[in-house]
Amino acid sequence: MLGFDKSHHGQTASYTKYDIGQMRRTVLITGGAGFLGSQLCDVYIARDYRVICLDDLSTGRLSNIGHLLDHPSFEFVEQDVIEPFQPKGCIDLIFNMACPASPPKYQRDPIHTFKTNIQGAENMLRLAHKHGARILQASTSEIYGDPEISPQSESYHGNVNTLGPRSCYDEGKRAAETLFYDFRQQYGVDARIARIFNTYGPRMDPGDGRVVSNFVTQVLRGDDITIYGDGSQTRSFCFVDDLIQGLCALIHLPKSPGQPVNLGNPEEFTIRELAEIVIEETHKDARIVYKDLPVDDPRQRRPDIRLAHQMLNWRPQFTLREGLRSTIPYFMAELSRNSAPSPIAAQ
């Protein structure tokens, strides 16, 4: 299994080697300048792959991949994933990570968000078919909508509103999963789907509006912590190192699972508990204020990860407090360099 040393997060993290043979291989990572995509770029550079990072920088940041730009095995292509891409040479692996994941950002241009999910997925699937490449889709726990069961297993079909402010993302990801299924059935594409639950850690954009980044940056700036609703809604938070290990384990599984796989940390916290833990871990004083809950905000989100454990021998290793202790210094450094706005939090 390919994983991180639990004691350290950073560009020099240690990895356990897969048996990938002696031939040099190429991985294409769409959204490769983003929070998760850039971490995958690091993993595969460390594994001596040729890495192609495709990103239009609409939400991805060059600062996430700046340390790789001069690396001889790294190629950055600034391009929107909804446009067809023709790489030079063969492609062995594709991670389709392109799409804003923060509600304030994906709601900014919902039609483009939907097209990113659908046209982007189709373009990458056709490329995988042409090259005989293995492809992984970064899907999301958002496909479960406001769930009526907990925890959510892969067999749960969800409770999603098709006519709401989150629909462009939720339904776009659901439709992308259908495309992955159909390309596998019709063309035999080796397609895998990871349903990613709330993930946090270094390289998050401080201004992206997601709940961990919002709470940490608010406290560090000396602002009030803003909770939408009464704070009783729950989330399960996965540290980025654990999530990246799960993604790599899934794409390197010798045989496709033939179904989506949940990746997330099943330990459940209320939003109020998260706020209190952030205050404790930052050693700051902050007042909690409450505002109205946004439309379609889920009341509960917790993954059933039995399938990931059975198939991938994967389960998260970092507790929320451990992950925050690696994340808070990152945000402190980011805020010392920039002053990001505080958008509506996505909880």
Protein backbone atom coordinates (compact mmCIF):
# COMPACT_ATOMS: atom_id res chain seq x y z
CA MET A 1 0.00 0.00 0.00
CA LEU A 2 1.17 3.52 -0.76
CA GLY A 3 0.96 5.70 2.29
CA PHE A 4 2.30 8.51 4.41
CA ASP A 5 4.43 8.28 7.51
CA LYS A 6 1.86 9.06 10.22
CA SER A 7 4.34 11.20 12.14
CA HIS A 8 4.88 13.78 9.42
CA HIS A 9 3.09 15.75 6.74
CA GLY A 10 4.97 17.50 3.96
CA GLN A 11 6.65 17.28 0.61
CA THR A 12 9.25 14.86 1.92
CA ALA A 13 6.80 12.39 3.47
CA SER A 14 7.88 8.77 3.18
CA TYR A 15 5.95 6.29 1.05
CA THR A 16 5.70 2.53 0.94
CA LYS A 17 6.47 1.28 -2.56
CA TYR A 18 4.03 -0.50 -4.82
CA ASP A 19 5.27 -3.29 -7.02
CA ILE A 20 4.96 -1.29 -10.25
CA GLY A 21 7.72 -2.99 -12.19
CA GLN A 22 10.70 -1.39 -13.88
CA MET A 23 9.02 0.46 -16.77
CA ARG A 24 8.54 4.19 -16.23
CA ARG A 25 4.87 5.08 -16.20
CA THR A 26 2.85 8.27 -16.73
CA VAL A 27 0.03 9.59 -14.59
CA LEU A 28 -2.33 12.40 -15.61
CA ILE A 29 -3.90 14.34 -12.73
CA THR A 30 -6.69 16.76 -13.61
CA GLY A 31 -7.18 19.47 -11.03
CA GLY A 32 -3.55 18.77 -10.19
CA ALA A 33 -2.89 22.22 -8.72
CA GLY A 34 -5.73 21.82 -6.23
CA PHE A 35 -5.78 20.77 -2.61
CA LEU A 36 -5.89 17.02 -3.30
CA GLY A 37 -4.50 16.92 -6.82
CA SER A 38 -1.24 18.59 -5.84
CA GLN A 39 -0.68 16.02 -3.09
CA LEU A 40 -1.10 13.27 -5.69
CA CYS A 41 1.47 15.02 -7.90
CA ASP A 42 3.95 14.79 -5.01
CA VAL A 43 3.20 11.11 -4.44
CA TYR A 44 3.86 10.10 -8.04
CA ILE A 45 6.93 12.28 -8.49
CA ALA A 46 8.30 10.53 -5.39
CA ARG A 47 7.49 7.19 -7.07
CA ASP A 48 9.44 8.18 -10.21
CA TYR A 49 6.42 8.49 -12.49
CA ARG A 50 6.14 11.05 -15.25
CA VAL A 51 3.42 13.39 -13.95
CA ILE A 52 1.15 15.56 -16.10
CA CYS A 53 -0.79 18.12 -14.09
CA LEU A 54 -3.82 19.58 -15.91
CA ASP A 55 -5.49 22.57 -14.25
CA ASP A 56 -7.14 25.80 -15.44
CA LEU A 57 -6.24 27.49 -12.11
CA SER A 58 -9.83 28.60 -11.55
CA THR A 59 -9.57 27.19 -8.03
CA GLY A 60 -6.22 25.42 -8.12
CA ARG A 61 -3.13 27.40 -7.08
CA LEU A 62 0.34 27.50 -8.59
CA SER A 63 1.74 27.77 -5.07
CA ASN A 64 0.61 24.16 -4.48
CA ILE A 65 2.86 22.87 -7.27
CA GLY A 66 5.53 25.57 -7.39
CA HIS A 67 8.16 23.22 -5.96
CA LEU A 68 7.53 20.80 -8.88
CA LEU A 69 7.56 23.17 -11.85
CA ASP A 70 11.27 22.69 -12.58
CA HIS A 71 11.25 18.95 -11.97
CA PRO A 72 12.21 17.06 -15.17
CA SER A 73 9.42 14.50 -14.67
CA PHE A 74 6.68 17.08 -14.09
CA GLU A 75 4.62 18.83 -16.75
CA PHE A 76 2.03 21.50 -15.99
CA VAL A 77 -0.68 22.18 -18.58
CA GLU A 78 -2.99 25.13 -17.96
CA GLN A 79 -6.26 23.98 -19.52
CA ASP A 80 -9.91 23.51 -18.66
CA VAL A 81 -10.84 19.83 -18.38
CA ILE A 82 -14.01 20.44 -20.43
CA GLU A 83 -11.73 20.94 -23.45
CA PRO A 84 -10.33 17.75 -25.07
CA PHE A 85 -6.74 17.05 -24.09
CA GLN A 86 -4.21 15.24 -26.25
CA PRO A 87 -1.09 14.36 -24.26
CA LYS A 88 2.25 13.51 -25.78
CA GLY A 89 3.12 9.86 -25.25
CA CYS A 90 1.18 7.18 -23.45
CA ILE A 91 -0.90 7.55 -20.30
CA ASP A 92 -1.08 4.74 -17.73
CA LEU A 93 -3.12 6.25 -14.89
CA ILE A 94 -5.64 9.10 -14.72
CA PHE A 95 -6.94 10.79 -11.57
CA ASN A 96 -9.93 12.96 -12.49
CA MET A 97 -9.84 15.45 -9.62
CA ALA A 98 -10.98 18.57 -11.50
CA CYS A 99 -13.98 20.43 -10.06
CA PRO A 100 -14.45 23.04 -7.34
CA ALA A 101 -15.47 21.27 -4.12
CA SER A 102 -16.37 24.31 -2.03
CA PRO A 103 -20.01 25.45 -2.32
CA PRO A 104 -19.15 29.18 -2.54
CA LYS A 105 -16.85 28.38 -5.47
CA TYR A 106 -18.93 25.82 -7.35
CA GLN A 107 -22.04 27.98 -6.94
CA ARG A 108 -20.24 30.95 -8.49
CA ASP A 109 -20.76 29.46 -11.97
CA PRO A 110 -23.09 26.47 -11.55
CA ILE A 111 -23.42 25.74 -15.27
CA HIS A 112 -19.65 25.53 -15.68
CA THR A 113 -19.46 23.36 -12.55
CA PHE A 114 -21.97 20.95 -14.06
CA LYS A 115 -20.10 20.91 -17.38
CA THR A 116 -16.82 20.29 -15.56
CA ASN A 117 -18.31 17.20 -13.97
CA ILE A 118 -19.92 15.83 -17.13
CA GLN A 119 -17.76 16.95 -20.04
CA GLY A 120 -14.60 16.67 -18.01
CA ALA A 121 -15.42 13.10 -17.00
CA GLU A 122 -16.30 12.14 -20.58
CA ASN A 123 -13.08 13.65 -21.95
CA MET A 124 -10.98 11.76 -19.43
CA LEU A 125 -12.87 8.50 -19.97
CA ARG A 126 -12.35 8.73 -23.73
CA LEU A 127 -8.67 9.39 -23.12
CA ALA A 128 -8.49 6.37 -20.79
CA HIS A 129 -10.18 4.24 -23.44
CA LYS A 130 -7.77 5.41 -26.14
CA HIS A 131 -4.67 4.73 -24.02
CA GLY A 132 -5.89 1.66 -22.16
CA ALA A 133 -5.33 3.62 -18.95
CA ARG A 134 -6.75 2.98 -15.51
CA ILE A 135 -8.88 5.95 -14.35
CA LEU A 136 -10.18 7.08 -10.98
CA GLN A 137 -13.04 9.53 -10.52
CA ALA A 138 -13.01 11.82 -7.49
CA SER A 139 -16.69 11.60 -6.58
CA THR A 140 -18.12 12.87 -3.34
CA SER A 141 -20.26 12.16 -0.31
CA GLU A 142 -22.47 14.96 -1.64
CA ILE A 143 -24.11 12.37 -3.91
CA TYR A 144 -25.90 11.14 -0.77
CA GLY A 145 -27.52 14.58 -0.36
CA ASP A 146 -29.21 15.09 3.00
CA PRO A 147 -29.12 11.40 3.96
CA GLU A 148 -31.99 9.59 5.62
CA ILE A 149 -29.70 6.84 6.97
CA SER A 150 -26.43 6.85 8.87
CA PRO A 151 -23.75 5.84 8.27
CA GLN A 152 -23.99 6.06 4.48
CA SER A 153 -22.92 2.93 2.64
CA GLU A 154 -22.18 2.69 -1.09
CA SER A 155 -25.53 0.94 -1.63
CA TYR A 156 -27.49 3.97 -0.40
CA HIS A 157 -28.96 5.88 -3.37
CA GLY A 158 -29.13 9.20 -1.58
CA ASN A 159 -31.62 12.00 -0.95
CA VAL A 160 -30.60 14.76 -3.36
CA ASN A 161 -32.48 17.86 -4.47
CA THR A 162 -32.10 18.27 -8.24
CA LEU A 163 -33.36 21.88 -8.10
CA GLY A 164 -31.23 23.69 -5.55
CA PRO A 165 -28.03 25.73 -5.14
CA ARG A 166 -25.93 22.61 -4.47
CA SER A 167 -27.43 20.59 -7.34
CA CYS A 168 -24.84 21.59 -9.94
CA TYR A 169 -22.20 19.79 -7.87
CA ASP A 170 -24.27 16.97 -6.34
CA GLU A 171 -26.04 15.97 -9.56
CA GLY A 172 -22.95 16.63 -11.67
CA LYS A 173 -20.98 14.12 -9.61
CA ARG A 174 -23.84 11.61 -9.73
CA ALA A 175 -24.00 11.90 -13.51
CA ALA A 176 -20.22 11.51 -13.75
CA GLU A 177 -20.51 8.25 -11.81
CA THR A 178 -23.06 7.07 -14.41
CA LEU A 179 -20.61 7.88 -17.20
CA PHE A 180 -17.90 5.89 -15.43
CA TYR A 181 -20.26 2.94 -15.11
CA ASP A 182 -21.33 3.14 -18.76
CA PHE A 183 -17.78 3.42 -20.13
CA ARG A 184 -16.82 0.40 -18.06
CA GLN A 185 -19.83 -1.59 -19.31
CA GLN A 186 -19.71 -0.50 -22.95
CA TYR A 187 -15.98 -0.10 -23.62
CA GLY A 188 -14.31 -2.08 -20.84
CA VAL A 189 -12.56 0.98 -19.40
CA ASP A 190 -10.87 0.19 -16.08
CA ALA A 191 -12.80 2.83 -14.16
CA ARG A 192 -12.80 3.30 -10.38
CA ILE A 193 -14.88 5.70 -8.26
CA ALA A 194 -13.95 7.14 -4.86
CA ARG A 195 -16.71 8.84 -2.88
CA ILE A 196 -14.73 11.34 -0.84
CA PHE A 197 -16.07 12.62 2.47
CA ASN A 198 -15.02 15.88 4.17
CA THR A 199 -11.24 16.19 3.90
CA TYR A 200 -8.98 18.86 5.36
CA GLY A 201 -5.29 19.62 5.71
CA PRO A 202 -2.38 21.64 4.33
CA ARG A 203 -2.84 23.22 0.88
CA MET A 204 -6.49 24.06 1.45
CA ASP A 205 -7.28 27.54 0.21
CA PRO A 206 -7.82 29.65 3.36
CA GLY A 207 -10.67 31.44 1.61
CA ASP A 208 -12.48 28.43 0.18
CA GLY A 209 -15.36 28.60 2.66
CA ARG A 210 -15.28 24.98 3.82
CA VAL A 211 -15.94 24.50 7.48
CA VAL A 212 -12.46 23.52 8.74
CA SER A 213 -10.67 26.26 6.82
CA ASN A 214 -13.35 28.78 7.79
CA PHE A 215 -13.21 27.97 11.52
CA VAL A 216 -9.41 27.92 11.70
CA THR A 217 -8.92 31.16 9.77
CA GLN A 218 -11.66 32.92 11.74
CA VAL A 219 -10.04 32.01 15.05
CA LEU A 220 -6.53 32.89 13.88
CA ARG A 221 -7.73 36.31 12.70
CA GLY A 222 -9.45 36.97 16.01
CA ASP A 223 -12.92 36.85 14.46
CA ASP A 224 -16.06 35.17 15.74
CA ILE A 225 -16.64 31.58 14.63
CA THR A 226 -19.75 31.45 12.45
CA ILE A 227 -21.97 28.39 12.74
CA TYR A 228 -24.86 28.01 10.32
CA GLY A 229 -27.86 26.39 11.98
CA ASP A 230 -27.75 25.33 15.62
CA GLY A 231 -24.47 23.41 15.28
CA SER A 232 -26.05 20.01 15.88
CA GLN A 233 -25.52 18.87 12.28
CA THR A 234 -22.67 16.36 12.04
CA ARG A 235 -19.69 15.76 9.79
CA SER A 236 -16.83 13.27 9.66
CA PHE A 237 -13.43 14.81 8.95
CA CYS A 238 -10.62 12.95 7.18
CA PHE A 239 -7.04 14.24 7.24
CA VAL A 240 -5.59 14.65 3.76
CA ASP A 241 -2.73 12.15 4.21
CA ASP A 242 -5.22 9.40 4.99
CA LEU A 243 -7.41 10.31 2.01
CA ILE A 244 -4.48 10.35 -0.44
CA GLN A 245 -3.42 6.92 0.78
CA GLY A 246 -6.93 5.63 0.12
CA LEU A 247 -7.04 7.09 -3.40
CA CYS A 248 -3.72 5.50 -4.28
CA ALA A 249 -4.73 2.16 -2.82
CA LEU A 250 -7.92 2.22 -4.89
CA ILE A 251 -6.30 3.02 -8.23
CA HIS A 252 -3.57 0.40 -7.66
CA LEU A 253 -5.98 -2.34 -6.64
CA PRO A 254 -5.23 -5.11 -9.20
CA LYS A 255 -8.90 -5.47 -10.15
CA SER A 256 -11.56 -2.77 -10.21
CA PRO A 257 -14.10 -3.07 -7.37
CA GLY A 258 -16.85 -2.57 -9.96
CA GLN A 259 -18.63 -0.12 -7.65
CA PRO A 260 -17.91 3.15 -5.83
CA VAL A 261 -15.86 3.06 -2.63
CA ASN A 262 -16.36 5.45 0.30
CA LEU A 263 -13.21 7.14 1.58
CA GLY A 264 -13.53 9.16 4.75
CA ASN A 265 -13.13 9.09 8.50
CA PRO A 266 -16.20 7.57 10.22
CA GLU A 267 -15.57 9.42 13.50
CA GLU A 268 -18.52 11.83 13.74
CA PHE A 269 -18.55 15.34 15.24
CA THR A 270 -21.18 18.03 15.49
CA ILE A 271 -20.27 21.36 13.95
CA ARG A 272 -20.37 22.84 17.44
CA GLU A 273 -17.85 20.23 18.66
CA LEU A 274 -15.56 21.05 15.74
CA ALA A 275 -15.65 24.74 16.63
CA GLU A 276 -14.77 23.99 20.25
CA ILE A 277 -11.87 21.70 19.23
CA VAL A 278 -10.49 24.35 16.86
CA ILE A 279 -10.60 26.93 19.67
CA GLU A 280 -8.74 24.53 21.99
CA GLU A 281 -6.11 23.54 19.42
CA THR A 282 -5.36 27.14 18.38
CA HIS A 283 -5.12 28.22 22.03
CA LYS A 284 -7.23 31.26 21.20
CA ASP A 285 -10.38 32.80 22.57
CA ALA A 286 -13.28 33.06 20.14
CA ARG A 287 -16.99 33.72 20.38
CA ILE A 288 -19.37 31.39 18.51
CA VAL A 289 -22.20 33.10 16.63
CA TYR A 290 -25.11 31.40 14.88
CA LYS A 291 -26.71 32.20 11.52
CA ASP A 292 -29.39 30.63 9.37
CA LEU A 293 -28.63 27.25 7.81
CA PRO A 294 -28.07 27.38 4.02
CA VAL A 295 -30.52 25.62 1.68
CA ASP A 296 -29.99 21.83 1.34
CA ASP A 297 -27.21 21.75 3.94
CA PRO A 298 -27.01 18.08 5.09
CA ARG A 299 -27.94 17.33 8.69
CA GLN A 300 -25.63 14.33 8.97
CA ARG A 301 -22.64 12.96 7.09
CA ARG A 302 -20.77 9.82 8.14
CA PRO A 303 -19.17 7.19 5.89
CA ASP A 304 -19.53 3.46 6.14
CA ILE A 305 -15.98 2.40 5.18
CA ARG A 306 -16.28 -1.37 5.57
CA LEU A 307 -15.82 -1.86 1.82
CA ALA A 308 -12.62 0.22 1.77
CA HIS A 309 -11.26 -1.76 4.68
CA GLN A 310 -12.13 -5.12 3.10
CA MET A 311 -10.90 -4.34 -0.41
CA LEU A 312 -8.04 -1.91 0.24
CA ASN A 313 -7.05 -2.76 3.82
CA TRP A 314 -7.52 0.97 4.39
CA ARG A 315 -8.78 2.96 7.31
CA PRO A 316 -7.85 6.44 8.55
CA GLN A 317 -4.97 6.73 10.98
CA PHE A 318 -5.19 10.39 12.04
CA THR A 319 -7.57 11.63 14.70
CA LEU A 320 -9.19 15.03 14.18
CA ARG A 321 -6.92 16.65 16.76
CA GLU A 322 -3.80 15.12 15.19
CA GLY A 323 -4.80 16.35 11.77
CA LEU A 324 -5.59 19.84 13.05
CA ARG A 325 -2.16 20.05 14.68
CA SER A 326 -0.62 19.67 11.20
CA THR A 327 -3.19 21.94 9.56
CA ILE A 328 -3.24 24.94 11.89
CA PRO A 329 0.45 25.88 11.34
CA TYR A 330 -0.17 25.78 7.59
CA PHE A 331 -3.04 28.26 7.89
CA MET A 332 -0.96 30.47 10.21
CA ALA A 333 1.74 30.65 7.52
CA GLU A 334 -0.81 31.29 4.77
CA LEU A 335 -2.48 34.09 6.69
CA SER A 336 0.85 35.72 7.41
CA ARG A 337 1.38 35.98 3.64
CA ASN A 338 -2.14 36.78 2.50
CA SER A 339 -5.37 38.22 3.76
CA ALA A 340 -8.11 35.97 2.34
CA PRO A 341 -11.79 36.98 2.52
CA SER A 342 -14.21 35.06 4.73
CA PRO A 343 -16.92 33.58 2.49
CA ILE A 344 -20.07 31.80 3.65
CA ALA A 345 -18.97 28.59 5.32
CA ALA A 346 -19.83 25.25 3.76
CA GLN A 347 -20.60 22.98 6.67
